[in-house]
All heavy atoms as atom14 arrays in JSON, in Angstrom:
{
  "sequence": "LRSLYFALSSVLDRFRYLHYGLGAMLAFVALKMLTAHWIEISTIWS",
  "atom14_mask": [
    [1, 1, 1, 1, 1, 1, 1, 1, 0, 0, 0, 0, 0, 0],
    [1, 1, 1, 1, 1, 1, 1, 1, 1, 1, 1, 0, 0, 0],
    [1, 1, 1, 1, 1, 1, 0, 0, 0, 0, 0, 0, 0, 0],
    [1, 1, 1, 1, 1, 1, 1, 1, 0, 0, 0, 0, 0, 0],
    [1, 1, 1, 1, 1, 1, 1, 1, 1, 1, 1, 1, 0, 0],
    [1, 1, 1, 1, 1, 1, 1, 1, 1, 1, 1, 0, 0, 0],
    [1, 1, 1, 1, 1, 0, 0, 0, 0, 0, 0, 0, 0, 0],
    [1, 1, 1, 1, 1, 1, 1, 1, 0, 0, 0, 0, 0, 0],
    [1, 1, 1, 1, 1, 1, 0, 0, 0, 0, 0, 0, 0, 0],
    [1, 1, 1, 1, 1, 1, 0, 0, 0, 0, 0, 0, 0, 0],
    [1, 1, 1, 1, 1, 1, 1, 0, 0, 0, 0, 0, 0, 0],
    [1, 1, 1, 1, 1, 1, 1, 1, 0, 0, 0, 0, 0, 0],
    [1, 1, 1, 1, 1, 1, 1, 1, 0, 0, 0, 0, 0, 0],
    [1, 1, 1, 1, 1, 1, 1, 1, 1, 1, 1, 0, 0, 0],
    [1, 1, 1, 1, 1, 1, 1, 1, 1, 1, 1, 0, 0, 0],
    [1, 1, 1, 1, 1, 1, 1, 1, 1, 1, 1, 0, 0, 0],
    [1, 1, 1, 1, 1, 1, 1, 1, 1, 1, 1, 1, 0, 0],
    [1, 1, 1, 1, 1, 1, 1, 1, 0, 0, 0, 0, 0, 0],
    [1, 1, 1, 1, 1, 1, 1, 1, 1, 1, 0, 0, 0, 0],
    [1, 1, 1, 1, 1, 1, 1, 1, 1, 1, 1, 1, 0, 0],
    [1, 1, 1, 1, 0, 0, 0, 0, 0, 0, 0, 0, 0, 0],
    [1, 1, 1, 1, 1, 1, 1, 1, 0, 0, 0, 0, 0, 0],
    [1, 1, 1, 1, 0, 0, 0, 0, 0, 0, 0, 0, 0, 0],
    [1, 1, 1, 1, 1, 0, 0, 0, 0, 0, 0, 0, 0, 0],
    [1, 1, 1, 1, 1, 1, 1, 1, 0, 0, 0, 0, 0, 0],
    [1, 1, 1, 1, 1, 1, 1, 1, 0, 0, 0, 0, 0, 0],
    [1, 1, 1, 1, 1, 0, 0, 0, 0, 0, 0, 0, 0, 0],
    [1, 1, 1, 1, 1, 1, 1, 1, 1, 1, 1, 0, 0, 0],
    [1, 1, 1, 1, 1, 1, 1, 0, 0, 0, 0, 0, 0, 0],
    [1, 1, 1, 1, 1, 0, 0, 0, 0, 0, 0, 0, 0, 0],
    [1, 1, 1, 1, 1, 1, 1, 1, 0, 0, 0, 0, 0, 0],
    [1, 1, 1, 1, 1, 1, 1, 1, 1, 0, 0, 0, 0, 0],
    [1, 1, 1, 1, 1, 1, 1, 1, 0, 0, 0, 0, 0, 0],
    [1, 1, 1, 1, 1, 1, 1, 1, 0, 0, 0, 0, 0, 0],
    [1, 1, 1, 1, 1, 1, 1, 0, 0, 0, 0, 0, 0, 0],
    [1, 1, 1, 1, 1, 0, 0, 0, 0, 0, 0, 0, 0, 0],
    [1, 1, 1, 1, 1, 1, 1, 1, 1, 1, 0, 0, 0, 0],
    [1, 1, 1, 1, 1, 1, 1, 1, 1, 1, 1, 1, 1, 1],
    [1, 1, 1, 1, 1, 1, 1, 1, 0, 0, 0, 0, 0, 0],
    [1, 1, 1, 1, 1, 1, 1, 1, 1, 0, 0, 0, 0, 0],
    [1, 1, 1, 1, 1, 1, 1, 1, 0, 0, 0, 0, 0, 0],
    [1, 1, 1, 1, 1, 1, 0, 0, 0, 0, 0, 0, 0, 0],
    [1, 1, 1, 1, 1, 1, 1, 0, 0, 0, 0, 0, 0, 0],
    [1, 1, 1, 1, 1, 1, 1, 1, 0, 0, 0, 0, 0, 0],
    [1, 1, 1, 1, 1, 1, 1, 1, 1, 1, 1, 1, 1, 1],
    [1, 1, 1, 1, 1, 1, 0, 0, 0, 0, 0, 0, 0, 0]
  ],
  "atom14_positions": [
    [[-5.71, -13.94, -5.0], [-4.29, -13.77, -5.55], [-4.02, -14.64, -6.78], [-3.39, -14.09, -7.77], [-3.37, -14.12, -4.42], [-1.89, -13.79, -4.66], [-1.65, -12.33, -4.98], [-1.03, -14.16, -3.36], [0.0, 0.0, 0.0], [0.0, 0.0, 0.0], [0.0, 0.0, 0.0], [0.0, 0.0, 0.0], [0.0, 0.0, 0.0], [0.0, 0.0, 0.0]],
    [[-4.5, -15.81, -6.81], [-4.19, -16.67, -7.86], [-4.82, -16.24, -9.22], [-4.12, -16.15, -10.22], [-4.77, -18.17, -7.5], [-4.46, -19.19, -8.57], [-4.7, -20.56, -7.93], [-4.52, -21.61, -8.95], [-5.47, -22.19, -9.67], [-6.74, -21.71, -9.54], [-5.25, -23.13, -10.46], [0.0, 0.0, 0.0], [0.0, 0.0, 0.0], [0.0, 0.0, 0.0]],
    [[-6.1, -15.83, -9.18], [-6.75, -15.35, -10.35], [-6.11, -14.05, -10.81], [-5.94, -13.71, -12.03], [-8.22, -15.23, -10.21], [-8.56, -14.37, -9.13], [0.0, 0.0, 0.0], [0.0, 0.0, 0.0], [0.0, 0.0, 0.0], [0.0, 0.0, 0.0], [0.0, 0.0, 0.0], [0.0, 0.0, 0.0], [0.0, 0.0, 0.0], [0.0, 0.0, 0.0]],
    [[-5.75, -13.22, -9.75], [-5.17, -11.93, -10.09], [-3.8, -12.06, -10.79], [-3.43, -11.25, -11.7], [-5.0, -11.09, -8.83], [-4.72, -9.58, -9.01], [-5.8, -8.9, -9.74], [-4.5, -8.98, -7.63], [0.0, 0.0, 0.0], [0.0, 0.0, 0.0], [0.0, 0.0, 0.0], [0.0, 0.0, 0.0], [0.0, 0.0, 0.0], [0.0, 0.0, 0.0]],
    [[-3.08, -13.12, -10.46], [-1.79, -13.34, -11.05], [-2.01, -13.58, -12.61], [-1.24, -13.03, -13.43], [-1.12, -14.56, -10.44], [0.11, -15.0, -11.2], [1.37, -14.37, -11.06], [0.08, -15.99, -12.1], [2.5, -14.66, -11.66], [1.25, -16.43, -12.8], [2.46, -15.74, -12.55], [3.57, -16.05, -13.26], [0.0, 0.0, 0.0], [0.0, 0.0, 0.0]],
    [[-2.94, -14.5, -12.88], [-3.24, -14.82, -14.37], [-3.78, -13.62, -15.11], [-3.6, -13.52, -16.29], [-3.97, -16.1, -14.45], [-3.24, -17.27, -14.01], [-3.64, -17.96, -12.93], [-2.16, -17.76, -14.77], [-2.94, -19.13, -12.49], [-1.45, -18.87, -14.34], [-1.86, -19.56, -13.19], [0.0, 0.0, 0.0], [0.0, 0.0, 0.0], [0.0, 0.0, 0.0]],
    [[-4.59, -12.8, -14.33], [-5.23, -11.66, -15.0], [-4.11, -10.61, -15.37], [-4.18, -9.89, -16.36], [-6.34, -11.0, -14.07], [0.0, 0.0, 0.0], [0.0, 0.0, 0.0], [0.0, 0.0, 0.0], [0.0, 0.0, 0.0], [0.0, 0.0, 0.0], [0.0, 0.0, 0.0], [0.0, 0.0, 0.0], [0.0, 0.0, 0.0], [0.0, 0.0, 0.0]],
    [[-3.12, -10.46, -14.37], [-2.09, -9.41, -14.58], [-0.86, -9.89, -15.13], [0.05, -9.06, -15.4], [-1.89, -8.79, -13.23], [-2.96, -7.84, -12.59], [-2.59, -7.42, -11.19], [-3.23, -6.63, -13.52], [0.0, 0.0, 0.0], [0.0, 0.0, 0.0], [0.0, 0.0, 0.0], [0.0, 0.0, 0.0], [0.0, 0.0, 0.0], [0.0, 0.0, 0.0]],
    [[-0.71, -11.21, -15.39], [0.59, -11.74, -15.84], [1.21, -11.09, -17.05], [2.41, -11.03, -17.19], [0.54, -13.24, -15.96], [-0.51, -13.59, -16.94], [0.0, 0.0, 0.0], [0.0, 0.0, 0.0], [0.0, 0.0, 0.0], [0.0, 0.0, 0.0], [0.0, 0.0, 0.0], [0.0, 0.0, 0.0], [0.0, 0.0, 0.0], [0.0, 0.0, 0.0]],
    [[0.39, -10.71, -17.9], [0.84, -10.09, -19.18], [1.25, -8.6, -19.06], [1.88, -8.11, -19.94], [-0.14, -10.23, -20.31], [-1.36, -9.55, -19.95], [0.0, 0.0, 0.0], [0.0, 0.0, 0.0], [0.0, 0.0, 0.0], [0.0, 0.0, 0.0], [0.0, 0.0, 0.0], [0.0, 0.0, 0.0], [0.0, 0.0, 0.0], [0.0, 0.0, 0.0]],
    [[0.85, -7.96, -17.96], [1.06, -6.52, -17.86], [1.75, -6.17, -16.57], [1.99, -5.04, -16.21], [-0.25, -5.76, -17.92], [-0.95, -5.88, -19.24], [-1.25, -6.18, -16.77], [0.0, 0.0, 0.0], [0.0, 0.0, 0.0], [0.0, 0.0, 0.0], [0.0, 0.0, 0.0], [0.0, 0.0, 0.0], [0.0, 0.0, 0.0], [0.0, 0.0, 0.0]],
    [[2.18, -7.17, -15.77], [2.85, -6.95, -14.51], [4.06, -5.99, -14.66], [4.34, -5.15, -13.84], [3.29, -8.19, -13.77], [2.27, -9.0, -12.89], [2.86, -10.26, -12.44], [1.86, -8.01, -11.77], [0.0, 0.0, 0.0], [0.0, 0.0, 0.0], [0.0, 0.0, 0.0], [0.0, 0.0, 0.0], [0.0, 0.0, 0.0], [0.0, 0.0, 0.0]],
    [[4.82, -6.23, -15.78], [6.0, -5.42, -16.01], [5.76, -3.92, -16.22], [6.61, -3.1, -16.13], [6.84, -5.98, -17.18], [7.45, -7.32, -16.9], [7.87, -7.51, -15.63], [7.45, -8.25, -17.76], [0.0, 0.0, 0.0], [0.0, 0.0, 0.0], [0.0, 0.0, 0.0], [0.0, 0.0, 0.0], [0.0, 0.0, 0.0], [0.0, 0.0, 0.0]],
    [[4.4, -3.64, -16.58], [4.14, -2.21, -16.84], [3.97, -1.41, -15.49], [4.05, -0.21, -15.56], [2.74, -2.22, -17.52], [2.71, -2.68, -18.95], [3.43, -1.72, -19.89], [3.08, -0.37, -19.77], [1.94, 0.15, -20.36], [1.15, -0.61, -21.12], [1.62, 1.37, -20.2], [0.0, 0.0, 0.0], [0.0, 0.0, 0.0], [0.0, 0.0, 0.0]],
    [[3.87, -2.17, -14.36], [3.69, -1.31, -13.14], [5.0, -0.84, -12.57], [5.38, -1.22, -11.45], [2.85, -2.24, -12.06], [1.44, -2.5, -12.5], [1.06, -3.57, -13.19], [0.5, -1.55, -12.11], [-0.31, -3.78, -13.47], [-0.88, -1.75, -12.44], [-1.27, -2.88, -13.14], [0.0, 0.0, 0.0], [0.0, 0.0, 0.0], [0.0, 0.0, 0.0]],
    [[5.63, -0.03, -13.32], [7.15, 0.33, -13.03], [7.2, 1.32, -11.79], [8.14, 1.39, -11.17], [7.73, 0.98, -14.26], [7.03, 2.34, -14.63], [7.8, 2.85, -15.94], [7.45, 2.06, -17.04], [8.38, 1.38, -17.74], [9.73, 1.47, -17.33], [8.05, 0.74, -18.88], [0.0, 0.0, 0.0], [0.0, 0.0, 0.0], [0.0, 0.0, 0.0]],
    [[6.0, 1.95, -11.46], [6.07, 2.95, -10.34], [5.29, 2.41, -9.11], [5.3, 3.17, -8.06], [5.5, 4.34, -10.8], [6.2, 4.92, -11.95], [5.56, 5.18, -13.08], [7.53, 5.31, -11.82], [6.2, 5.74, -14.16], [8.19, 5.96, -12.88], [7.55, 6.15, -14.06], [8.17, 6.72, -15.16], [0.0, 0.0, 0.0], [0.0, 0.0, 0.0]],
    [[4.71, 1.28, -9.25], [3.82, 0.9, -8.14], [4.55, 0.58, -6.88], [4.09, 0.76, -5.75], [3.08, -0.43, -8.52], [1.89, -0.86, -7.72], [0.92, 0.37, -7.65], [1.28, -2.07, -8.22], [0.0, 0.0, 0.0], [0.0, 0.0, 0.0], [0.0, 0.0, 0.0], [0.0, 0.0, 0.0], [0.0, 0.0, 0.0], [0.0, 0.0, 0.0]],
    [[5.84, 0.11, -6.95], [6.61, -0.14, -5.68], [6.83, 1.18, -4.86], [6.87, 1.05, -3.77], [7.98, -0.82, -6.07], [8.89, 0.05, -6.84], [8.66, 0.48, -8.15], [10.11, 0.67, -6.56], [9.59, 1.15, -8.58], [10.54, 1.26, -7.66], [0.0, 0.0, 0.0], [0.0, 0.0, 0.0], [0.0, 0.0, 0.0], [0.0, 0.0, 0.0]],
    [[6.85, 2.32, -5.59], [6.93, 3.53, -4.79], [5.6, 3.79, -3.99], [5.69, 4.19, -2.82], [7.1, 4.75, -5.74], [8.51, 4.79, -6.38], [8.61, 4.81, -7.77], [9.65, 4.68, -5.63], [9.94, 4.76, -8.41], [10.93, 4.78, -6.21], [11.0, 4.76, -7.59], [12.27, 4.79, -8.21], [0.0, 0.0, 0.0], [0.0, 0.0, 0.0]],
    [[4.54, 3.46, -4.61], [3.2, 3.57, -3.97], [3.06, 2.6, -2.77], [2.66, 3.01, -1.73], [0.0, 0.0, 0.0], [0.0, 0.0, 0.0], [0.0, 0.0, 0.0], [0.0, 0.0, 0.0], [0.0, 0.0, 0.0], [0.0, 0.0, 0.0], [0.0, 0.0, 0.0], [0.0, 0.0, 0.0], [0.0, 0.0, 0.0], [0.0, 0.0, 0.0]],
    [[3.57, 1.42, -3.03], [3.52, 0.43, -1.86], [4.44, 0.85, -0.8], [4.08, 0.69, 0.38], [3.9, -0.97, -2.38], [3.0, -1.6, -3.42], [3.56, -2.89, -3.95], [1.61, -1.83, -2.86], [0.0, 0.0, 0.0], [0.0, 0.0, 0.0], [0.0, 0.0, 0.0], [0.0, 0.0, 0.0], [0.0, 0.0, 0.0], [0.0, 0.0, 0.0]],
    [[5.6, 1.33, -1.1], [6.53, 1.85, -0.09], [5.96, 2.94, 0.68], [6.07, 2.97, 1.93], [0.0, 0.0, 0.0], [0.0, 0.0, 0.0], [0.0, 0.0, 0.0], [0.0, 0.0, 0.0], [0.0, 0.0, 0.0], [0.0, 0.0, 0.0], [0.0, 0.0, 0.0], [0.0, 0.0, 0.0], [0.0, 0.0, 0.0], [0.0, 0.0, 0.0]],
    [[5.36, 3.92, -0.04], [4.7, 5.08, 0.62], [3.54, 4.61, 1.61], [3.39, 5.19, 2.68], [4.2, 6.12, -0.33], [0.0, 0.0, 0.0], [0.0, 0.0, 0.0], [0.0, 0.0, 0.0], [0.0, 0.0, 0.0], [0.0, 0.0, 0.0], [0.0, 0.0, 0.0], [0.0, 0.0, 0.0], [0.0, 0.0, 0.0], [0.0, 0.0, 0.0]],
    [[2.81, 3.66, 1.05], [1.65, 3.14, 1.96], [2.17, 2.47, 3.14], [1.63, 2.63, 4.26], [0.85, 2.17, 1.06], [-0.44, 1.73, 1.8], [-1.24, 0.39, 0.88], [-0.13, -1.05, 1.27], [0.0, 0.0, 0.0], [0.0, 0.0, 0.0], [0.0, 0.0, 0.0], [0.0, 0.0, 0.0], [0.0, 0.0, 0.0], [0.0, 0.0, 0.0]],
    [[3.2, 1.65, 3.03], [3.73, 1.0, 4.21], [4.33, 2.0, 5.19], [4.15, 1.88, 6.43], [4.87, 0.02, 3.78], [4.33, -1.31, 3.28], [5.63, -2.21, 2.94], [3.49, -2.11, 4.31], [0.0, 0.0, 0.0], [0.0, 0.0, 0.0], [0.0, 0.0, 0.0], [0.0, 0.0, 0.0], [0.0, 0.0, 0.0], [0.0, 0.0, 0.0]],
    [[4.95, 3.09, 4.71], [5.52, 4.17, 5.52], [4.39, 4.82, 6.26], [4.52, 5.1, 7.52], [6.33, 5.11, 4.69], [0.0, 0.0, 0.0], [0.0, 0.0, 0.0], [0.0, 0.0, 0.0], [0.0, 0.0, 0.0], [0.0, 0.0, 0.0], [0.0, 0.0, 0.0], [0.0, 0.0, 0.0], [0.0, 0.0, 0.0], [0.0, 0.0, 0.0]],
    [[3.31, 5.05, 5.58], [2.11, 5.73, 6.23], [1.58, 4.83, 7.34], [1.25, 5.28, 8.42], [1.03, 5.96, 5.22], [-0.31, 6.35, 5.79], [-0.53, 7.55, 6.43], [-1.36, 5.44, 5.77], [-1.75, 7.89, 7.01], [-2.56, 5.64, 6.37], [-2.78, 6.92, 6.93], [0.0, 0.0, 0.0], [0.0, 0.0, 0.0], [0.0, 0.0, 0.0]],
    [[1.38, 3.59, 7.02], [0.86, 2.65, 8.08], [1.79, 2.59, 9.29], [1.37, 2.49, 10.43], [0.61, 1.25, 7.45], [0.21, 0.27, 8.48], [-0.45, 1.32, 6.39], [0.0, 0.0, 0.0], [0.0, 0.0, 0.0], [0.0, 0.0, 0.0], [0.0, 0.0, 0.0], [0.0, 0.0, 0.0], [0.0, 0.0, 0.0], [0.0, 0.0, 0.0]],
    [[3.08, 2.51, 8.95], [4.06, 2.4, 10.1], [3.97, 3.65, 10.98], [3.99, 3.54, 12.17], [5.48, 2.29, 9.5], [0.0, 0.0, 0.0], [0.0, 0.0, 0.0], [0.0, 0.0, 0.0], [0.0, 0.0, 0.0], [0.0, 0.0, 0.0], [0.0, 0.0, 0.0], [0.0, 0.0, 0.0], [0.0, 0.0, 0.0], [0.0, 0.0, 0.0]],
    [[3.88, 4.86, 10.37], [3.86, 6.1, 11.23], [2.42, 6.1, 11.87], [2.44, 6.64, 13.03], [3.98, 7.32, 10.2], [5.36, 7.48, 9.63], [5.35, 8.58, 8.66], [6.36, 7.67, 10.72], [0.0, 0.0, 0.0], [0.0, 0.0, 0.0], [0.0, 0.0, 0.0], [0.0, 0.0, 0.0], [0.0, 0.0, 0.0], [0.0, 0.0, 0.0]],
    [[1.43, 5.62, 11.3], [0.15, 5.55, 12.02], [0.25, 4.6, 13.22], [-0.36, 4.97, 14.33], [-0.92, 5.01, 11.07], [-2.41, 4.98, 11.62], [-3.28, 4.49, 10.51], [-4.74, 4.47, 10.99], [-5.03, 3.48, 12.04], [0.0, 0.0, 0.0], [0.0, 0.0, 0.0], [0.0, 0.0, 0.0], [0.0, 0.0, 0.0], [0.0, 0.0, 0.0]],
    [[0.95, 3.57, 13.06], [1.19, 2.59, 14.22], [1.95, 3.23, 15.28], [1.65, 3.16, 16.54], [1.75, 1.35, 13.74], [2.09, 0.33, 14.88], [2.77, -1.26, 14.27], [1.28, -2.12, 13.95], [0.0, 0.0, 0.0], [0.0, 0.0, 0.0], [0.0, 0.0, 0.0], [0.0, 0.0, 0.0], [0.0, 0.0, 0.0], [0.0, 0.0, 0.0]],
    [[3.01, 3.91, 14.96], [3.98, 4.45, 15.95], [3.49, 5.66, 16.64], [3.88, 6.0, 17.76], [5.34, 4.71, 15.2], [6.1, 3.53, 14.76], [7.28, 3.97, 13.84], [6.5, 2.57, 15.84], [0.0, 0.0, 0.0], [0.0, 0.0, 0.0], [0.0, 0.0, 0.0], [0.0, 0.0, 0.0], [0.0, 0.0, 0.0], [0.0, 0.0, 0.0]],
    [[2.56, 6.46, 16.03], [2.11, 7.69, 16.63], [0.64, 7.53, 17.13], [0.09, 8.61, 17.41], [2.23, 8.87, 15.53], [1.3, 8.56, 14.41], [3.61, 9.02, 15.1], [0.0, 0.0, 0.0], [0.0, 0.0, 0.0], [0.0, 0.0, 0.0], [0.0, 0.0, 0.0], [0.0, 0.0, 0.0], [0.0, 0.0, 0.0], [0.0, 0.0, 0.0]],
    [[0.17, 6.37, 17.19], [-1.23, 6.11, 17.57], [-1.57, 6.72, 18.93], [-2.69, 7.15, 19.21], [-1.58, 4.66, 17.57], [0.0, 0.0, 0.0], [0.0, 0.0, 0.0], [0.0, 0.0, 0.0], [0.0, 0.0, 0.0], [0.0, 0.0, 0.0], [0.0, 0.0, 0.0], [0.0, 0.0, 0.0], [0.0, 0.0, 0.0], [0.0, 0.0, 0.0]],
    [[-0.54, 6.84, 19.83], [-0.82, 7.35, 21.18], [-1.01, 8.83, 21.14], [-1.62, 9.43, 22.13], [0.32, 7.07, 22.12], [0.38, 5.57, 22.51], [-0.64, 4.91, 23.26], [1.26, 4.65, 22.19], [-0.3, 3.68, 23.5], [0.87, 3.42, 22.85], [0.0, 0.0, 0.0], [0.0, 0.0, 0.0], [0.0, 0.0, 0.0], [0.0, 0.0, 0.0]],
    [[-0.55, 9.46, 20.15], [-0.56, 10.96, 20.1], [-1.47, 11.54, 18.97], [-2.1, 12.6, 19.13], [0.79, 11.6, 19.9], [1.77, 11.05, 20.97], [1.79, 11.53, 22.25], [2.68, 10.01, 20.86], [2.74, 10.84, 22.93], [3.36, 9.9, 22.2], [3.06, 9.19, 19.9], [4.35, 9.01, 22.4], [4.08, 8.16, 20.08], [4.65, 8.16, 21.33]],
    [[-1.54, 10.82, 17.87], [-2.33, 11.25, 16.68], [-3.24, 10.1, 16.26], [-2.86, 8.98, 16.01], [-1.38, 11.62, 15.56], [-0.36, 12.66, 15.89], [-2.16, 11.99, 14.31], [0.71, 12.94, 14.81], [0.0, 0.0, 0.0], [0.0, 0.0, 0.0], [0.0, 0.0, 0.0], [0.0, 0.0, 0.0], [0.0, 0.0, 0.0], [0.0, 0.0, 0.0]],
    [[-4.52, 10.52, 16.23], [-5.49, 9.51, 15.8], [-5.97, 9.87, 14.43], [-6.53, 10.88, 14.1], [-6.74, 9.52, 16.75], [-7.78, 8.45, 16.44], [-8.94, 8.47, 17.48], [-8.85, 9.12, 18.45], [-9.94, 7.75, 17.17], [0.0, 0.0, 0.0], [0.0, 0.0, 0.0], [0.0, 0.0, 0.0], [0.0, 0.0, 0.0], [0.0, 0.0, 0.0]],
    [[-5.82, 8.82, 13.57], [-6.26, 9.02, 12.1], [-7.37, 7.98, 11.98], [-7.25, 6.71, 12.13], [-5.05, 8.73, 11.1], [-3.84, 9.62, 11.38], [-5.61, 8.85, 9.68], [-2.72, 9.38, 10.53], [0.0, 0.0, 0.0], [0.0, 0.0, 0.0], [0.0, 0.0, 0.0], [0.0, 0.0, 0.0], [0.0, 0.0, 0.0], [0.0, 0.0, 0.0]],
    [[-8.53, 8.44, 11.5], [-9.73, 7.55, 11.36], [-9.5, 6.54, 10.35], [-8.74, 6.79, 9.39], [-10.95, 8.43, 11.1], [-10.87, 8.96, 9.88], [0.0, 0.0, 0.0], [0.0, 0.0, 0.0], [0.0, 0.0, 0.0], [0.0, 0.0, 0.0], [0.0, 0.0, 0.0], [0.0, 0.0, 0.0], [0.0, 0.0, 0.0], [0.0, 0.0, 0.0]],
    [[-10.26, 5.47, 10.4], [-10.14, 4.39, 9.38], [-10.5, 4.94, 8.02], [-9.92, 4.56, 7.04], [-11.02, 3.27, 9.8], [-10.7, 2.85, 11.16], [-10.84, 2.05, 8.83], [0.0, 0.0, 0.0], [0.0, 0.0, 0.0], [0.0, 0.0, 0.0], [0.0, 0.0, 0.0], [0.0, 0.0, 0.0], [0.0, 0.0, 0.0], [0.0, 0.0, 0.0]],
    [[-11.57, 5.78, 7.96], [-11.96, 6.29, 6.64], [-10.83, 7.07, 6.07], [-10.56, 6.93, 4.82], [-13.31, 7.16, 6.85], [-14.41, 6.25, 7.22], [-13.59, 7.85, 5.56], [-15.67, 7.03, 7.48], [0.0, 0.0, 0.0], [0.0, 0.0, 0.0], [0.0, 0.0, 0.0], [0.0, 0.0, 0.0], [0.0, 0.0, 0.0], [0.0, 0.0, 0.0]],
    [[-10.2, 7.98, 6.8], [-9.09, 8.81, 6.23], [-7.93, 7.96, 5.85], [-7.22, 8.21, 4.85], [-8.71, 9.87, 7.23], [-9.51, 11.07, 7.15], [-10.36, 11.61, 7.97], [-9.52, 11.98, 6.07], [-10.99, 12.77, 7.55], [-10.45, 13.09, 6.34], [-8.85, 12.1, 4.83], [-10.7, 14.11, 5.48], [-9.06, 13.17, 3.92], [-9.99, 14.17, 4.3]],
    [[-7.72, 6.89, 6.58], [-6.55, 5.99, 6.29], [-6.85, 5.3, 4.91], [-5.97, 5.16, 4.05], [-6.48, 4.92, 7.36], [-6.06, 5.45, 8.62], [0.0, 0.0, 0.0], [0.0, 0.0, 0.0], [0.0, 0.0, 0.0], [0.0, 0.0, 0.0], [0.0, 0.0, 0.0], [0.0, 0.0, 0.0], [0.0, 0.0, 0.0], [0.0, 0.0, 0.0]]
  ]
}
């Protein structure tokens, strides 16, 4: 994380849409957790 901060520090502001991707990823992981008893998604597909 530390080296990545200094590597990206000059371009962090450019990632204007990344928060949508992170939000979608968290939503997918949440649904995977909540539906694990009924729907099995393999680790590779995840």
